[in-house]
């Protein structure tokens, strides 16, 4: 098999496996940053990355709060059975 055929097969396999997954990212900036009503910083840049495949999801988010980073993470699994939706997961704030 030629190298170009192997590369095309590899790209095809990668494209087909990512077709069922969803990756998203976000960036933000706040002029005043509050966490649960408590002032944290005069300004804060933030960003996050999320991944979902089937019912599985995982993600992270971080914000600059001047004294360090607030880093949050979550993961879980969710789905639907008829009209009933369910989700079980974990969220951590660090």
C-alpha atoms as a PDB file:
ATOM      1  CA  UNK A   1       0.000   0.000   0.000  1.00  0.00           C
ATOM      2  CA  UNK A   2       1.357   3.419  -0.904  1.00  0.00           C
ATOM      3  CA  UNK A   3       2.058   5.972   1.817  1.00  0.00           C
ATOM      4  CA  UNK A   4      -0.542   8.353   0.337  1.00  0.00           C
ATOM      5  CA  UNK A   5      -3.229   5.636   0.606  1.00  0.00           C
ATOM      6  CA  UNK A   6      -2.306   5.008   4.246  1.00  0.00           C
ATOM      7  CA  UNK A   7      -2.547   8.737   4.970  1.00  0.00           C
ATOM      8  CA  UNK A   8      -5.973   8.927   3.320  1.00  0.00           C
ATOM      9  CA  UNK A   9      -7.204   5.926   5.284  1.00  0.00           C
ATOM     10  CA  UNK A  10      -5.904   7.458   8.517  1.00  0.00           C
ATOM     11  CA  UNK A  11      -7.598  10.787   7.760  1.00  0.00           C
ATOM     12  CA  UNK A  12     -10.827   8.990   6.886  1.00  0.00           C
ATOM     13  CA  UNK A  13     -10.764   7.045  10.143  1.00  0.00           C
ATOM     14  CA  UNK A  14     -10.065  10.211  12.145  1.00  0.00           C
ATOM     15  CA  UNK A  15     -12.878  12.089  10.409  1.00  0.00           C
ATOM     16  CA  UNK A  16     -15.374   9.301  11.020  1.00  0.00           C
ATOM     17  CA  UNK A  17     -14.479   9.005  14.713  1.00  0.00           C
ATOM     18  CA  UNK A  18     -14.773  12.756  15.334  1.00  0.00           C
ATOM     19  CA  UNK A  19     -18.102  12.973  13.510  1.00  0.00           C
ATOM     20  CA  UNK A  20     -19.912  11.686  16.627  1.00  0.00           C
ATOM     21  CA  UNK A  21     -18.002  13.928  19.062  1.00  0.00           C
ATOM     22  CA  UNK A  22     -18.505  17.614  19.772  1.00  0.00           C
ATOM     23  CA  UNK A  23     -15.721  19.902  20.996  1.00  0.00           C
ATOM     24  CA  UNK A  24     -16.331  23.534  21.900  1.00  0.00           C
ATOM     25  CA  UNK A  25     -14.315  26.325  23.483  1.00  0.00           C
ATOM     26  CA  UNK A  26     -15.091  29.714  24.983  1.00  0.00           C
ATOM     27  CA  UNK A  27     -13.236  32.882  25.963  1.00  0.00           C
ATOM     28  CA  UNK A  28     -14.491  35.760  28.063  1.00  0.00           C
ATOM     29  CA  UNK A  29     -13.598  38.919  29.930  1.00  0.00           C
ATOM     30  CA  UNK A  30     -15.387  40.485  32.894  1.00  0.00           C
ATOM     31  CA  UNK A  31     -14.808  44.047  34.099  1.00  0.00           C
ATOM     32  CA  UNK A  32     -15.844  43.035  37.658  1.00  0.00           C
ATOM     33  CA  UNK A  33     -15.610  39.387  38.705  1.00  0.00           C
ATOM     34  CA  UNK A  34     -17.838  38.098  41.497  1.00  0.00           C
ATOM     35  CA  UNK A  35     -18.105  34.519  42.735  1.00  0.00           C
ATOM     36  CA  UNK A  36     -21.289  33.756  44.660  1.00  0.00           C
ATOM     37  CA  UNK A  37     -21.766  37.447  45.355  1.00  0.00           C
ATOM     38  CA  UNK A  38     -18.221  37.989  46.687  1.00  0.00           C
ATOM     39  CA  UNK A  39     -15.967  40.386  44.797  1.00  0.00           C
ATOM     40  CA  UNK A  40     -12.889  38.601  43.399  1.00  0.00           C
ATOM     41  CA  UNK A  41     -11.127  40.974  40.973  1.00  0.00           C
ATOM     42  CA  UNK A  42     -11.515  44.256  39.079  1.00  0.00           C
ATOM     43  CA  UNK A  43     -11.097  42.372  35.803  1.00  0.00           C
ATOM     44  CA  UNK A  44     -10.824  38.758  34.812  1.00  0.00           C
ATOM     45  CA  UNK A  45     -10.076  36.834  31.638  1.00  0.00           C
ATOM     46  CA  UNK A  46     -11.559  33.351  31.375  1.00  0.00           C
ATOM     47  CA  UNK A  47     -11.691  30.396  29.041  1.00  0.00           C
ATOM     48  CA  UNK A  48     -13.029  26.889  28.810  1.00  0.00           C
ATOM     49  CA  UNK A  49     -12.938  23.702  26.793  1.00  0.00           C
ATOM     50  CA  UNK A  50     -15.772  21.162  26.529  1.00  0.00           C
ATOM     51  CA  UNK A  51     -16.064  17.703  24.937  1.00  0.00           C
ATOM     52  CA  UNK A  52     -19.166  15.588  24.374  1.00  0.00           C
ATOM     53  CA  UNK A  53     -19.578  12.181  22.753  1.00  0.00           C
ATOM     54  CA  UNK A  54     -22.769  10.166  22.950  1.00  0.00           C
ATOM     55  CA  UNK A  55     -24.047  10.818  26.451  1.00  0.00           C
ATOM     56  CA  UNK A  56     -20.582  11.379  27.966  1.00  0.00           C
ATOM     57  CA  UNK A  57     -19.376  14.938  28.618  1.00  0.00           C
ATOM     58  CA  UNK A  58     -16.308  16.519  30.205  1.00  0.00           C
ATOM     59  CA  UNK A  59     -15.059  20.070  30.428  1.00  0.00           C
ATOM     60  CA  UNK A  60     -12.997  22.657  32.217  1.00  0.00           C
ATOM     61  CA  UNK A  61     -13.116  26.406  32.747  1.00  0.00           C
ATOM     62  CA  UNK A  62     -10.531  28.756  34.249  1.00  0.00           C
ATOM     63  CA  UNK A  63     -10.536  32.428  35.269  1.00  0.00           C
ATOM     64  CA  UNK A  64      -7.703  34.749  36.283  1.00  0.00           C
ATOM     65  CA  UNK A  65      -8.652  36.188  39.690  1.00  0.00           C
ATOM     66  CA  UNK A  66      -5.383  38.104  40.242  1.00  0.00           C
ATOM     67  CA  UNK A  67      -4.358  35.981  43.273  1.00  0.00           C
ATOM     68  CA  UNK A  68      -4.217  32.870  41.083  1.00  0.00           C
ATOM     69  CA  UNK A  69      -6.566  30.883  38.910  1.00  0.00           C
ATOM     70  CA  UNK A  70     -10.022  29.607  39.627  1.00  0.00           C
ATOM     71  CA  UNK A  71     -10.205  26.283  37.786  1.00  0.00           C
ATOM     72  CA  UNK A  72     -13.475  24.383  37.491  1.00  0.00           C
ATOM     73  CA  UNK A  73     -14.006  20.959  35.991  1.00  0.00           C
ATOM     74  CA  UNK A  74     -16.940  18.698  35.337  1.00  0.00           C
ATOM     75  CA  UNK A  75     -17.807  15.347  33.797  1.00  0.00           C
ATOM     76  CA  UNK A  76     -20.808  13.086  33.558  1.00  0.00           C
ATOM     77  CA  UNK A  77     -23.189  11.074  31.478  1.00  0.00           C
ATOM     78  CA  UNK A  78     -26.730  11.917  30.403  1.00  0.00           C
ATOM     79  CA  UNK A  79     -29.456  10.706  28.122  1.00  0.00           C
ATOM     80  CA  UNK A  80     -33.167  10.340  27.564  1.00  0.00           C
ATOM     81  CA  UNK A  81     -35.645   7.515  27.930  1.00  0.00           C
ATOM     82  CA  UNK A  82     -38.870   8.577  26.237  1.00  0.00           C
ATOM     83  CA  UNK A  83     -39.849  11.953  27.738  1.00  0.00           C
ATOM     84  CA  UNK A  84     -37.569  11.413  30.751  1.00  0.00           C
ATOM     85  CA  UNK A  85     -34.109  13.017  30.710  1.00  0.00           C
ATOM     86  CA  UNK A  86     -31.362  12.025  33.131  1.00  0.00           C
ATOM     87  CA  UNK A  87     -27.815  13.066  33.947  1.00  0.00           C
ATOM     88  CA  UNK A  88     -25.284  12.017  36.556  1.00  0.00           C
ATOM     89  CA  UNK A  89     -22.071  13.923  36.980  1.00  0.00           C
ATOM     90  CA  UNK A  90     -19.524  15.723  39.103  1.00  0.00           C
ATOM     91  CA  UNK A  91     -18.469  19.380  39.224  1.00  0.00           C
ATOM     92  CA  UNK A  92     -15.443  20.667  41.129  1.00  0.00           C
ATOM     93  CA  UNK A  93     -14.456  24.285  41.869  1.00  0.00           C
ATOM     94  CA  UNK A  94     -10.769  24.769  42.619  1.00  0.00           C
END
